[in-house]
N, C-alpha and C. Protein backbone atom coordinates (compact mmCIF):
# COMPACT_ATOMS: atom_id res chain seq x y z
N MET A 1 6.93 -10.16 -16.83
CA MET A 1 5.66 -10.60 -16.28
C MET A 1 4.98 -11.53 -17.27
N ALA A 2 4.12 -12.32 -16.76
CA ALA A 2 3.38 -13.26 -17.59
C ALA A 2 2.38 -12.51 -18.48
N ARG A 3 2.11 -13.08 -19.61
CA ARG A 3 1.10 -12.50 -20.50
C ARG A 3 -0.29 -12.84 -19.96
N THR A 4 -1.21 -11.95 -20.20
CA THR A 4 -2.59 -12.22 -19.80
C THR A 4 -3.24 -13.11 -20.85
N VAL A 5 -4.15 -13.93 -20.39
CA VAL A 5 -4.89 -14.80 -21.30
C VAL A 5 -6.28 -14.22 -21.50
N GLU A 6 -6.99 -14.75 -22.45
CA GLU A 6 -8.32 -14.26 -22.74
C GLU A 6 -9.20 -14.33 -21.50
N GLY A 7 -9.90 -13.24 -21.22
CA GLY A 7 -10.78 -13.18 -20.07
C GLY A 7 -10.13 -12.58 -18.83
N GLU A 8 -8.80 -12.42 -18.82
CA GLU A 8 -8.12 -11.81 -17.69
C GLU A 8 -8.05 -10.30 -17.88
N TYR A 9 -8.05 -9.59 -16.77
CA TYR A 9 -7.87 -8.15 -16.82
C TYR A 9 -6.39 -7.81 -16.82
N GLU A 10 -6.04 -6.73 -17.50
CA GLU A 10 -4.67 -6.23 -17.44
C GLU A 10 -4.43 -5.72 -16.02
N PRO A 11 -3.26 -5.99 -15.44
CA PRO A 11 -3.01 -5.45 -14.10
C PRO A 11 -2.92 -3.93 -14.16
N PRO A 12 -3.49 -3.25 -13.16
CA PRO A 12 -3.45 -1.78 -13.19
C PRO A 12 -2.03 -1.28 -12.95
N ILE A 13 -1.71 -0.15 -13.54
CA ILE A 13 -0.42 0.48 -13.31
C ILE A 13 -0.66 1.68 -12.41
N VAL A 14 0.06 1.71 -11.30
CA VAL A 14 -0.10 2.76 -10.31
C VAL A 14 1.09 3.70 -10.43
N ASN A 15 0.82 4.97 -10.63
CA ASN A 15 1.89 5.96 -10.74
C ASN A 15 1.86 6.86 -9.52
N PHE A 16 2.87 6.75 -8.68
CA PHE A 16 2.95 7.58 -7.49
C PHE A 16 3.68 8.89 -7.74
N GLY A 17 4.10 9.13 -8.99
CA GLY A 17 4.79 10.36 -9.32
C GLY A 17 6.14 10.44 -8.64
N GLU A 18 6.53 11.64 -8.28
CA GLU A 18 7.84 11.84 -7.65
C GLU A 18 7.94 11.21 -6.28
N MET A 19 6.81 11.04 -5.59
CA MET A 19 6.82 10.44 -4.26
C MET A 19 7.29 8.99 -4.32
N GLY A 20 6.97 8.29 -5.40
CA GLY A 20 7.33 6.89 -5.52
C GLY A 20 6.43 6.02 -4.66
N PRO A 21 6.53 4.69 -4.79
CA PRO A 21 5.68 3.82 -3.99
C PRO A 21 6.03 3.90 -2.50
N ILE A 22 5.03 3.67 -1.67
CA ILE A 22 5.22 3.72 -0.22
C ILE A 22 5.87 2.41 0.21
N ARG A 23 7.07 2.50 0.70
CA ARG A 23 7.85 1.33 1.13
C ARG A 23 8.60 1.66 2.40
N CYS A 24 9.13 0.64 3.04
CA CYS A 24 9.95 0.79 4.24
C CYS A 24 11.19 1.62 3.92
N ASN A 25 11.52 2.54 4.82
CA ASN A 25 12.71 3.37 4.63
C ASN A 25 14.01 2.59 4.82
N ARG A 26 13.95 1.48 5.57
CA ARG A 26 15.16 0.72 5.85
C ARG A 26 15.41 -0.36 4.81
N CYS A 27 14.42 -1.22 4.55
CA CYS A 27 14.67 -2.40 3.71
C CYS A 27 13.85 -2.41 2.41
N ASN A 28 12.98 -1.41 2.22
CA ASN A 28 12.19 -1.26 1.00
C ASN A 28 11.11 -2.34 0.82
N ALA A 29 10.69 -2.95 1.91
CA ALA A 29 9.64 -3.99 1.85
C ALA A 29 8.25 -3.35 1.99
N ASN A 30 7.22 -4.17 1.95
CA ASN A 30 5.84 -3.72 2.11
C ASN A 30 5.54 -3.37 3.55
N MET A 31 4.38 -2.74 3.76
CA MET A 31 4.05 -2.24 5.07
C MET A 31 2.66 -2.66 5.52
N GLN A 32 2.44 -2.46 6.82
CA GLN A 32 1.13 -2.68 7.43
C GLN A 32 0.79 -1.40 8.18
N PHE A 33 -0.39 -0.84 7.94
CA PHE A 33 -0.75 0.42 8.57
C PHE A 33 -1.09 0.20 10.03
N VAL A 34 -0.61 1.10 10.88
CA VAL A 34 -0.85 1.05 12.33
C VAL A 34 -1.15 2.47 12.80
N ASP A 35 -1.46 2.62 14.08
CA ASP A 35 -1.68 3.92 14.70
C ASP A 35 -2.73 4.73 13.94
N ALA A 36 -3.87 4.12 13.70
CA ALA A 36 -5.01 4.76 13.02
C ALA A 36 -4.66 5.25 11.61
N GLY A 37 -3.68 4.62 10.97
CA GLY A 37 -3.30 4.97 9.61
C GLY A 37 -2.23 6.03 9.51
N ARG A 38 -1.78 6.55 10.66
CA ARG A 38 -0.77 7.61 10.65
C ARG A 38 0.64 7.09 10.40
N ARG A 39 0.86 5.83 10.70
CA ARG A 39 2.18 5.23 10.54
C ARG A 39 2.03 3.85 9.93
N PHE A 40 3.12 3.33 9.42
CA PHE A 40 3.11 1.96 8.96
C PHE A 40 4.31 1.22 9.49
N GLN A 41 4.12 -0.09 9.68
CA GLN A 41 5.19 -0.94 10.19
C GLN A 41 5.59 -1.91 9.10
N CYS A 42 6.89 -2.01 8.89
CA CYS A 42 7.42 -2.90 7.87
C CYS A 42 7.14 -4.35 8.25
N LEU A 43 6.73 -5.13 7.28
CA LEU A 43 6.43 -6.54 7.53
C LEU A 43 7.69 -7.39 7.64
N MET A 44 8.83 -6.85 7.21
CA MET A 44 10.09 -7.61 7.26
C MET A 44 10.96 -7.22 8.45
N CYS A 45 11.32 -5.95 8.56
CA CYS A 45 12.27 -5.53 9.60
C CYS A 45 11.60 -4.87 10.80
N LYS A 46 10.29 -4.67 10.75
CA LYS A 46 9.47 -4.12 11.84
C LYS A 46 9.71 -2.64 12.13
N LEU A 47 10.43 -1.92 11.26
CA LEU A 47 10.61 -0.49 11.42
C LEU A 47 9.26 0.20 11.27
N THR A 48 8.98 1.18 12.13
CA THR A 48 7.74 1.96 12.05
C THR A 48 8.08 3.34 11.49
N THR A 49 7.32 3.77 10.49
CA THR A 49 7.58 5.01 9.77
C THR A 49 6.29 5.80 9.64
N ASP A 50 6.39 7.12 9.67
CA ASP A 50 5.22 7.98 9.45
C ASP A 50 4.77 7.86 8.00
N VAL A 51 3.46 7.84 7.81
CA VAL A 51 2.88 7.84 6.46
C VAL A 51 2.95 9.27 5.93
N PRO A 52 3.42 9.48 4.69
CA PRO A 52 3.42 10.83 4.14
C PRO A 52 2.01 11.43 4.17
N THR A 53 1.91 12.71 4.45
CA THR A 53 0.60 13.35 4.60
C THR A 53 -0.25 13.21 3.34
N GLU A 54 0.36 13.23 2.16
CA GLU A 54 -0.42 13.12 0.93
C GLU A 54 -0.94 11.70 0.69
N TYR A 55 -0.48 10.72 1.46
CA TYR A 55 -0.93 9.33 1.31
C TYR A 55 -1.79 8.89 2.51
N PHE A 56 -1.91 9.72 3.54
CA PHE A 56 -2.64 9.35 4.75
C PHE A 56 -4.12 9.12 4.47
N GLN A 57 -4.67 8.12 5.14
CA GLN A 57 -6.11 7.85 5.13
C GLN A 57 -6.44 7.12 6.44
N HIS A 58 -7.57 7.43 7.01
CA HIS A 58 -7.97 6.79 8.27
C HIS A 58 -8.22 5.30 8.07
N LEU A 59 -8.12 4.54 9.17
CA LEU A 59 -8.44 3.11 9.16
C LEU A 59 -9.87 2.92 9.63
N GLY A 60 -10.56 1.96 9.05
CA GLY A 60 -11.92 1.64 9.45
C GLY A 60 -11.93 0.71 10.65
N HIS A 61 -13.09 0.22 11.02
CA HIS A 61 -13.24 -0.65 12.19
C HIS A 61 -12.54 -2.00 12.02
N THR A 62 -12.18 -2.37 10.80
CA THR A 62 -11.47 -3.63 10.57
C THR A 62 -9.96 -3.45 10.58
N GLY A 63 -9.49 -2.21 10.78
CA GLY A 63 -8.06 -1.94 10.77
C GLY A 63 -7.49 -1.75 9.37
N GLN A 64 -8.37 -1.64 8.37
CA GLN A 64 -7.95 -1.44 6.98
C GLN A 64 -8.27 0.00 6.57
N ARG A 65 -7.49 0.53 5.64
CA ARG A 65 -7.75 1.88 5.15
C ARG A 65 -9.14 1.96 4.55
N VAL A 66 -9.83 3.08 4.78
CA VAL A 66 -11.18 3.23 4.26
C VAL A 66 -11.19 3.40 2.74
N ASP A 67 -10.05 3.74 2.15
CA ASP A 67 -9.97 3.87 0.69
C ASP A 67 -9.31 2.64 0.03
N LYS A 68 -9.26 1.54 0.74
CA LYS A 68 -8.57 0.35 0.25
C LYS A 68 -9.02 -0.06 -1.15
N TYR A 69 -10.30 -0.07 -1.39
CA TYR A 69 -10.81 -0.55 -2.68
C TYR A 69 -10.72 0.51 -3.78
N GLU A 70 -10.23 1.68 -3.45
CA GLU A 70 -9.99 2.71 -4.45
C GLU A 70 -8.52 2.75 -4.86
N ARG A 71 -7.67 1.96 -4.20
CA ARG A 71 -6.23 1.95 -4.46
C ARG A 71 -5.79 0.54 -4.84
N PRO A 72 -5.50 0.32 -6.12
CA PRO A 72 -5.13 -1.03 -6.56
C PRO A 72 -3.89 -1.58 -5.88
N GLU A 73 -2.97 -0.72 -5.45
CA GLU A 73 -1.77 -1.23 -4.79
C GLU A 73 -2.06 -1.82 -3.42
N LEU A 74 -3.23 -1.51 -2.86
CA LEU A 74 -3.60 -2.05 -1.55
C LEU A 74 -4.52 -3.25 -1.64
N VAL A 75 -5.25 -3.39 -2.71
CA VAL A 75 -6.27 -4.45 -2.78
C VAL A 75 -5.78 -5.67 -3.55
N LEU A 76 -4.84 -5.52 -4.46
CA LEU A 76 -4.36 -6.67 -5.23
C LEU A 76 -3.60 -7.63 -4.33
N GLY A 77 -3.81 -8.91 -4.51
CA GLY A 77 -3.11 -9.92 -3.73
C GLY A 77 -3.75 -10.21 -2.39
N THR A 78 -4.93 -9.63 -2.11
CA THR A 78 -5.58 -9.92 -0.84
C THR A 78 -6.76 -10.82 -1.02
């Protein structure tokens, strides 16, 4: 990764523990939450998978998780 320069924040490190990061079961790509946050759909292969219960969070009126700004893995790059 690139080095940070003066004035930049260090990127946060997210530890999902034994569960690991939430990814597509088929192709390991990123996901988009659907079905009120209960499932996610892969952005690459379109597979729909249930969200693990320990990672579930409801979606707000904009279709985004209500805890989006509390989870760096969801807010970075947007």
